Amino acid sequence: MKKTILLTSLTFLGSLLSGCITTRNAGPVEPITYYSSPATSTNTATIIGSTEISQSIKADKIAYVFAVDFKKIENGRGQMNSQLAVETGEHDLQLWCQQGGFKYTNLARVKLEAGKHYQVGFAMNVNKQYNCYMWIYDLDAKKAIGELIPTIEVGEYANPDKMRPITQFLEARPNTQSNVTVPIRVINKMGHN
């Protein structure tokens, strides 16, 4: 009899506690929308990523376009050294910067001109802090366009192949140093003069 009461009590307690761990149904998750690059023409511009080869045992530093207008580039890292065609005009580009487990991203609004060639530029660990600043460099005019983009660290275990594009500019946490000087440089020209 005691065993029956104990078993009934445990079953009742278990059913009460199971209500505490239920999750609400958020509905189905929408699939990721991927960017479809237009054919290169007189109405497109091209943009490529950047690689800074490490001279030590540290991982190489890379930067590339992760998404165009909130549409993810399929295998963006694998295509970072290929020219990505983008229609001319104003676009929201999500940029990705990485060295090993240090991964950063943010949005950049840029106006791309027809027939121009651009490259993602970056500088990591500015002012000896863990960070990445990014910009878009016009390879034809040999100057940076738009503004310097501070990025947000997305975490060591963030897998860019499984992440969704962000839809809003992420504000960096304020730090004590308000003046940041980043030397704009071309890391690799990928065949452009």
C-alpha atoms as a PDB file:
ATOM      1  CA  MET A   1       0.000   0.000   0.000  1.00  0.00           C
ATOM      2  CA  LYS A   2       2.807   2.382   0.911  1.00  0.00           C
ATOM      3  CA  LYS A   3       4.510   1.671  -2.413  1.00  0.00           C
ATOM      4  CA  THR A   4       1.305   2.433  -4.298  1.00  0.00           C
ATOM      5  CA  ILE A   5       0.845   5.762  -2.476  1.00  0.00           C
ATOM      6  CA  LEU A   6       4.500   6.676  -3.054  1.00  0.00           C
ATOM      7  CA  LEU A   7       4.285   5.780  -6.738  1.00  0.00           C
ATOM      8  CA  THR A   8       1.037   7.760  -7.132  1.00  0.00           C
ATOM      9  CA  SER A   9       2.579  10.758  -5.314  1.00  0.00           C
ATOM     10  CA  LEU A  10       5.674  10.719  -7.533  1.00  0.00           C
ATOM     11  CA  THR A  11       3.552  10.456 -10.690  1.00  0.00           C
ATOM     12  CA  PHE A  12       1.354  13.359  -9.549  1.00  0.00           C
ATOM     13  CA  LEU A  13       4.415  15.471  -8.630  1.00  0.00           C
ATOM     14  CA  GLY A  14       6.035  14.673 -11.971  1.00  0.00           C
ATOM     15  CA  SER A  15       2.944  15.764 -13.891  1.00  0.00           C
ATOM     16  CA  LEU A  16       2.797  19.036 -11.904  1.00  0.00           C
ATOM     17  CA  LEU A  17       6.451  19.833 -12.597  1.00  0.00           C
ATOM     18  CA  SER A  18       6.227  18.963 -16.280  1.00  0.00           C
ATOM     19  CA  GLY A  19       4.011  22.011 -16.762  1.00  0.00           C
ATOM     20  CA  CYS A  20       6.927  24.202 -15.639  1.00  0.00           C
ATOM     21  CA  ILE A  21       9.220  23.033 -18.408  1.00  0.00           C
ATOM     22  CA  THR A  22       6.897  23.326 -21.377  1.00  0.00           C
ATOM     23  CA  THR A  23       7.850  25.847 -24.032  1.00  0.00           C
ATOM     24  CA  ARG A  24       5.559  28.137 -25.918  1.00  0.00           C
ATOM     25  CA  ASN A  25       5.041  27.458 -29.573  1.00  0.00           C
ATOM     26  CA  ALA A  26       6.683  30.299 -31.503  1.00  0.00           C
ATOM     27  CA  GLY A  27       5.440  28.928 -34.789  1.00  0.00           C
ATOM     28  CA  PRO A  28       7.464  27.631 -37.691  1.00  0.00           C
ATOM     29  CA  VAL A  29      10.867  29.164 -38.354  1.00  0.00           C
ATOM     30  CA  GLU A  30      11.084  30.780 -41.761  1.00  0.00           C
ATOM     31  CA  PRO A  31      13.799  29.352 -43.997  1.00  0.00           C
ATOM     32  CA  ILE A  32      16.890  31.450 -44.697  1.00  0.00           C
ATOM     33  CA  THR A  33      16.640  33.506 -47.886  1.00  0.00           C
ATOM     34  CA  TYR A  34      19.773  33.318 -50.023  1.00  0.00           C
ATOM     35  CA  TYR A  35      21.169  36.045 -52.270  1.00  0.00           C
ATOM     36  CA  SER A  36      21.085  35.390 -55.990  1.00  0.00           C
ATOM     37  CA  SER A  37      23.926  37.253 -57.663  1.00  0.00           C
ATOM     38  CA  PRO A  38      22.998  38.944 -60.962  1.00  0.00           C
ATOM     39  CA  ALA A  39      25.070  38.337 -64.074  1.00  0.00           C
ATOM     40  CA  THR A  40      27.945  40.802 -64.361  1.00  0.00           C
ATOM     41  CA  SER A  41      26.906  43.664 -66.635  1.00  0.00           C
ATOM     42  CA  THR A  42      27.240  47.438 -67.008  1.00  0.00           C
ATOM     43  CA  ASN A  43      24.618  47.810 -64.230  1.00  0.00           C
ATOM     44  CA  THR A  44      26.530  45.832 -61.618  1.00  0.00           C
ATOM     45  CA  ALA A  45      29.487  46.346 -59.337  1.00  0.00           C
ATOM     46  CA  THR A  46      31.710  43.634 -57.869  1.00  0.00           C
ATOM     47  CA  ILE A  47      32.985  43.172 -54.342  1.00  0.00           C
ATOM     48  CA  ILE A  48      35.490  40.702 -52.904  1.00  0.00           C
ATOM     49  CA  GLY A  49      36.655  39.736 -49.440  1.00  0.00           C
ATOM     50  CA  SER A  50      40.084  40.126 -47.854  1.00  0.00           C
ATOM     51  CA  THR A  51      42.601  37.765 -46.326  1.00  0.00           C
ATOM     52  CA  GLU A  52      45.550  38.650 -44.135  1.00  0.00           C
ATOM     53  CA  ILE A  53      47.865  35.654 -43.934  1.00  0.00           C
ATOM     54  CA  SER A  54      49.272  35.044 -40.454  1.00  0.00           C
ATOM     55  CA  GLN A  55      53.043  34.866 -40.109  1.00  0.00           C
ATOM     56  CA  SER A  56      52.744  32.856 -36.890  1.00  0.00           C
ATOM     57  CA  ILE A  57      50.722  29.932 -35.588  1.00  0.00           C
ATOM     58  CA  LYS A  58      47.650  32.148 -35.263  1.00  0.00           C
ATOM     59  CA  ALA A  59      44.772  31.746 -37.703  1.00  0.00           C
ATOM     60  CA  ASP A  60      44.564  33.943 -40.793  1.00  0.00           C
ATOM     61  CA  LYS A  61      42.363  37.047 -40.597  1.00  0.00           C
ATOM     62  CA  ILE A  62      39.498  37.148 -43.082  1.00  0.00           C
ATOM     63  CA  ALA A  63      36.672  39.515 -43.993  1.00  0.00           C
ATOM     64  CA  TYR A  64      33.877  39.057 -46.501  1.00  0.00           C
ATOM     65  CA  VAL A  65      30.290  39.915 -47.393  1.00  0.00           C
ATOM     66  CA  PHE A  66      27.978  37.660 -45.372  1.00  0.00           C
ATOM     67  CA  ALA A  67      24.653  38.975 -46.754  1.00  0.00           C
ATOM     68  CA  VAL A  68      23.286  41.497 -49.264  1.00  0.00           C
ATOM     69  CA  ASP A  69      20.039  43.252 -48.334  1.00  0.00           C
ATOM     70  CA  PHE A  70      19.361  40.667 -45.592  1.00  0.00           C
ATOM     71  CA  LYS A  71      19.814  37.749 -47.997  1.00  0.00           C
ATOM     72  CA  LYS A  72      22.625  35.396 -47.032  1.00  0.00           C
ATOM     73  CA  ILE A  73      25.485  34.578 -49.398  1.00  0.00           C
ATOM     74  CA  GLU A  74      25.536  30.796 -49.655  1.00  0.00           C
ATOM     75  CA  ASN A  75      29.021  29.595 -48.656  1.00  0.00           C
ATOM     76  CA  GLY A  76      30.149  33.211 -48.221  1.00  0.00           C
ATOM     77  CA  ARG A  77      33.508  32.281 -46.735  1.00  0.00           C
ATOM     78  CA  GLY A  78      34.219  29.832 -49.540  1.00  0.00           C
ATOM     79  CA  GLN A  79      33.471  32.503 -52.127  1.00  0.00           C
ATOM     80  CA  MET A  80      35.226  35.425 -50.423  1.00  0.00           C
ATOM     81  CA  ASN A  81      38.058  35.474 -52.975  1.00  0.00           C
ATOM     82  CA  SER A  82      35.618  35.479 -55.903  1.00  0.00           C
ATOM     83  CA  GLN A  83      34.026  38.633 -57.231  1.00  0.00           C
ATOM     84  CA  LEU A  84      30.445  38.937 -56.024  1.00  0.00           C
ATOM     85  CA  ALA A  85      28.235  40.833 -58.472  1.00  0.00           C
ATOM     86  CA  VAL A  86      25.778  43.288 -56.907  1.00  0.00           C
ATOM     87  CA  GLU A  87      23.341  45.581 -58.694  1.00  0.00           C
ATOM     88  CA  THR A  88      24.248  49.256 -58.503  1.00  0.00           C
ATOM     89  CA  GLY A  89      22.585  51.483 -55.947  1.00  0.00           C
ATOM     90  CA  GLU A  90      22.285  51.557 -52.177  1.00  0.00           C
ATOM     91  CA  HIS A  91      22.521  48.258 -50.312  1.00  0.00           C
ATOM     92  CA  ASP A  92      22.748  46.920 -46.773  1.00  0.00           C
ATOM     93  CA  LEU A  93      25.776  44.640 -46.682  1.00  0.00           C
ATOM     94  CA  GLN A  94      26.358  42.428 -43.671  1.00  0.00           C
ATOM     95  CA  LEU A  95      30.114  42.136 -43.274  1.00  0.00           C
ATOM     96  CA  TRP A  96      31.882  39.296 -41.441  1.00  0.00           C
ATOM     97  CA  CYS A  97      35.365  39.483 -39.897  1.00  0.00           C
ATOM     98  CA  GLN A  98      37.141  36.533 -38.291  1.00  0.00           C
ATOM     99  CA  GLN A  99      40.407  35.254 -36.890  1.00  0.00           C
ATOM    100  CA  GLY A 100      40.032  31.752 -35.514  1.00  0.00           C
ATOM    101  CA  GLY A 101      37.400  31.854 -32.758  1.00  0.00           C
ATOM    102  CA  PHE A 102      37.151  35.663 -32.790  1.00  0.00           C
ATOM    103  CA  LYS A 103      34.167  36.434 -35.039  1.00  0.00           C
ATOM    104  CA  TYR A 104      32.568  39.831 -35.650  1.00  0.00           C
ATOM    105  CA  THR A 105      29.746  41.166 -37.825  1.00  0.00           C
ATOM    106  CA  ASN A 106      27.587  44.207 -38.541  1.00  0.00           C
ATOM    107  CA  LEU A 107      25.668  45.988 -41.283  1.00  0.00           C
ATOM    108  CA  ALA A 108      27.093  48.624 -43.611  1.00  0.00           C
ATOM    109  CA  ARG A 109      24.911  50.764 -45.855  1.00  0.00           C
ATOM    110  CA  VAL A 110      26.820  51.529 -49.049  1.00  0.00           C
ATOM    111  CA  LYS A 111      26.087  52.999 -52.455  1.00  0.00           C
ATOM    112  CA  LEU A 112      27.724  50.967 -55.200  1.00  0.00           C
ATOM    113  CA  GLU A 113      28.412  52.449 -58.626  1.00  0.00           C
ATOM    114  CA  ALA A 114      28.143  50.651 -61.976  1.00  0.00           C
ATOM    115  CA  GLY A 115      31.294  48.992 -63.263  1.00  0.00           C
ATOM    116  CA  LYS A 116      33.264  49.615 -60.049  1.00  0.00           C
ATOM    117  CA  HIS A 117      35.252  47.054 -58.089  1.00  0.00           C
ATOM    118  CA  TYR A 118      35.136  47.044 -54.290  1.00  0.00           C
ATOM    119  CA  GLN A 119      36.802  45.131 -51.482  1.00  0.00           C
ATOM    120  CA  VAL A 120      35.922  44.535 -47.834  1.00  0.00           C
ATOM    121  CA  GLY A 121      38.629  46.103 -45.662  1.00  0.00           C
ATOM    122  CA  PHE A 122      39.203  45.496 -41.972  1.00  0.00           C
ATOM    123  CA  ALA A 123      41.456  46.109 -38.991  1.00  0.00           C
ATOM    124  CA  MET A 124      41.431  43.853 -35.943  1.00  0.00           C
ATOM    125  CA  ASN A 125      42.458  44.536 -32.349  1.00  0.00           C
ATOM    126  CA  VAL A 126      42.500  48.324 -32.759  1.00  0.00           C
ATOM    127  CA  ASN A 127      43.911  50.095 -29.675  1.00  0.00           C
ATOM    128  CA  LYS A 128      44.913  46.660 -28.306  1.00  0.00           C
ATOM    129  CA  GLN A 129      41.265  45.704 -27.716  1.00  0.00           C
ATOM    130  CA  TYR A 130      39.454  42.674 -29.060  1.00  0.00           C
ATOM    131  CA  ASN A 131      37.462  44.181 -31.922  1.00  0.00           C
ATOM    132  CA  CYS A 132      37.204  44.534 -35.667  1.00  0.00           C
ATOM    133  CA  TYR A 133      36.499  47.662 -37.683  1.00  0.00           C
ATOM    134  CA  MET A 134      35.405  47.272 -41.290  1.00  0.00           C
ATOM    135  CA  TRP A 135      34.948  49.422 -44.391  1.00  0.00           C
ATOM    136  CA  ILE A 136      34.334  49.114 -48.112  1.00  0.00           C
ATOM    137  CA  TYR A 137      37.279  50.095 -50.307  1.00  0.00           C
ATOM    138  CA  ASP A 138      36.832  51.323 -53.885  1.00  0.00           C
ATOM    139  CA  LEU A 139      39.642  49.583 -55.783  1.00  0.00           C
ATOM    140  CA  ASP A 140      39.221  51.846 -58.842  1.00  0.00           C
ATOM    141  CA  ALA A 141      39.261  55.194 -56.995  1.00  0.00           C
ATOM    142  CA  LYS A 142      41.702  53.827 -54.392  1.00  0.00           C
ATOM    143  CA  LYS A 143      39.752  55.144 -51.408  1.00  0.00           C
ATOM    144  CA  ALA A 144      37.347  53.952 -48.746  1.00  0.00           C
ATOM    145  CA  ILE A 145      33.661  54.700 -49.260  1.00  0.00           C
ATOM    146  CA  GLY A 146      31.008  55.104 -46.595  1.00  0.00           C
ATOM    147  CA  GLU A 147      31.902  55.001 -42.964  1.00  0.00           C
ATOM    148  CA  LEU A 148      34.066  52.979 -40.622  1.00  0.00           C
ATOM    149  CA  ILE A 149      31.872  50.166 -39.267  1.00  0.00           C
ATOM    150  CA  PRO A 150      32.347  48.973 -35.682  1.00  0.00           C
ATOM    151  CA  THR A 151      31.394  45.323 -35.334  1.00  0.00           C
ATOM    152  CA  ILE A 152      29.933  43.134 -32.612  1.00  0.00           C
ATOM    153  CA  GLU A 153      31.547  39.881 -31.491  1.00  0.00           C
ATOM    154  CA  VAL A 154      29.169  37.006 -32.239  1.00  0.00           C
ATOM    155  CA  GLY A 155      30.885  34.378 -30.124  1.00  0.00           C
ATOM    156  CA  GLU A 156      33.579  31.770 -30.437  1.00  0.00           C
ATOM    157  CA  TYR A 157      31.192  28.970 -31.313  1.00  0.00           C
ATOM    158  CA  ALA A 158      29.095  30.922 -33.822  1.00  0.00           C
ATOM    159  CA  ASN A 159      29.011  29.019 -37.086  1.00  0.00           C
ATOM    160  CA  PRO A 160      28.490  31.400 -40.034  1.00  0.00           C
ATOM    161  CA  ASP A 161      27.119  28.528 -42.121  1.00  0.00           C
ATOM    162  CA  LYS A 162      24.220  28.133 -39.674  1.00  0.00           C
ATOM    163  CA  MET A 163      23.555  31.789 -38.798  1.00  0.00           C
ATOM    164  CA  ARG A 164      20.815  34.008 -40.163  1.00  0.00           C
ATOM    165  CA  PRO A 165      21.507  37.510 -41.494  1.00  0.00           C
ATOM    166  CA  ILE A 166      20.940  40.351 -39.042  1.00  0.00           C
ATOM    167  CA  THR A 167      18.251  42.872 -39.920  1.00  0.00           C
ATOM    168  CA  GLN A 168      19.380  45.916 -37.921  1.00  0.00           C
ATOM    169  CA  PHE A 169      22.653  47.724 -37.328  1.00  0.00           C
ATOM    170  CA  LEU A 170      24.108  46.535 -34.022  1.00  0.00           C
ATOM    171  CA  GLU A 171      25.372  49.229 -31.668  1.00  0.00           C
ATOM    172  CA  ALA A 172      28.731  48.502 -30.129  1.00  0.00           C
ATOM    173  CA  ARG A 173      29.014  48.733 -26.370  1.00  0.00           C
ATOM    174  CA  PRO A 174      30.607  52.082 -25.480  1.00  0.00           C
ATOM    175  CA  ASN A 175      34.181  51.936 -24.291  1.00  0.00           C
ATOM    176  CA  THR A 176      36.381  54.409 -22.481  1.00  0.00           C
ATOM    177  CA  GLN A 177      38.303  55.417 -25.594  1.00  0.00           C
ATOM    178  CA  SER A 178      36.133  57.522 -27.862  1.00  0.00           C
ATOM    179  CA  ASN A 179      38.777  58.301 -30.508  1.00  0.00           C
ATOM    180  CA  VAL A 180      39.627  55.407 -32.780  1.00  0.00           C
ATOM    181  CA  THR A 181      42.166  55.805 -35.545  1.00  0.00           C
ATOM    182  CA  VAL A 182      42.195  52.989 -38.053  1.00  0.00           C
ATOM    183  CA  PRO A 183      44.644  53.091 -40.956  1.00  0.00           C
ATOM    184  CA  ILE A 184      42.721  52.312 -44.146  1.00  0.00           C
ATOM    185  CA  ARG A 185      44.782  49.923 -46.236  1.00  0.00           C
ATOM    186  CA  VAL A 186      44.291  47.457 -49.045  1.00  0.00           C
ATOM    187  CA  ILE A 187      45.137  43.981 -47.847  1.00  0.00           C
ATOM    188  CA  ASN A 188      45.049  42.173 -51.187  1.00  0.00           C
ATOM    189  CA  LYS A 189      43.933  43.619 -54.486  1.00  0.00           C
ATOM    190  CA  MET A 190      42.828  40.356 -56.099  1.00  0.00           C
ATOM    191  CA  GLY A 191      44.186  41.299 -59.509  1.00  0.00           C
ATOM    192  CA  HIS A 192      43.162  44.968 -59.578  1.00  0.00           C
ATOM    193  CA  ASN A 193      45.569  47.874 -59.992  1.00  0.00           C
END
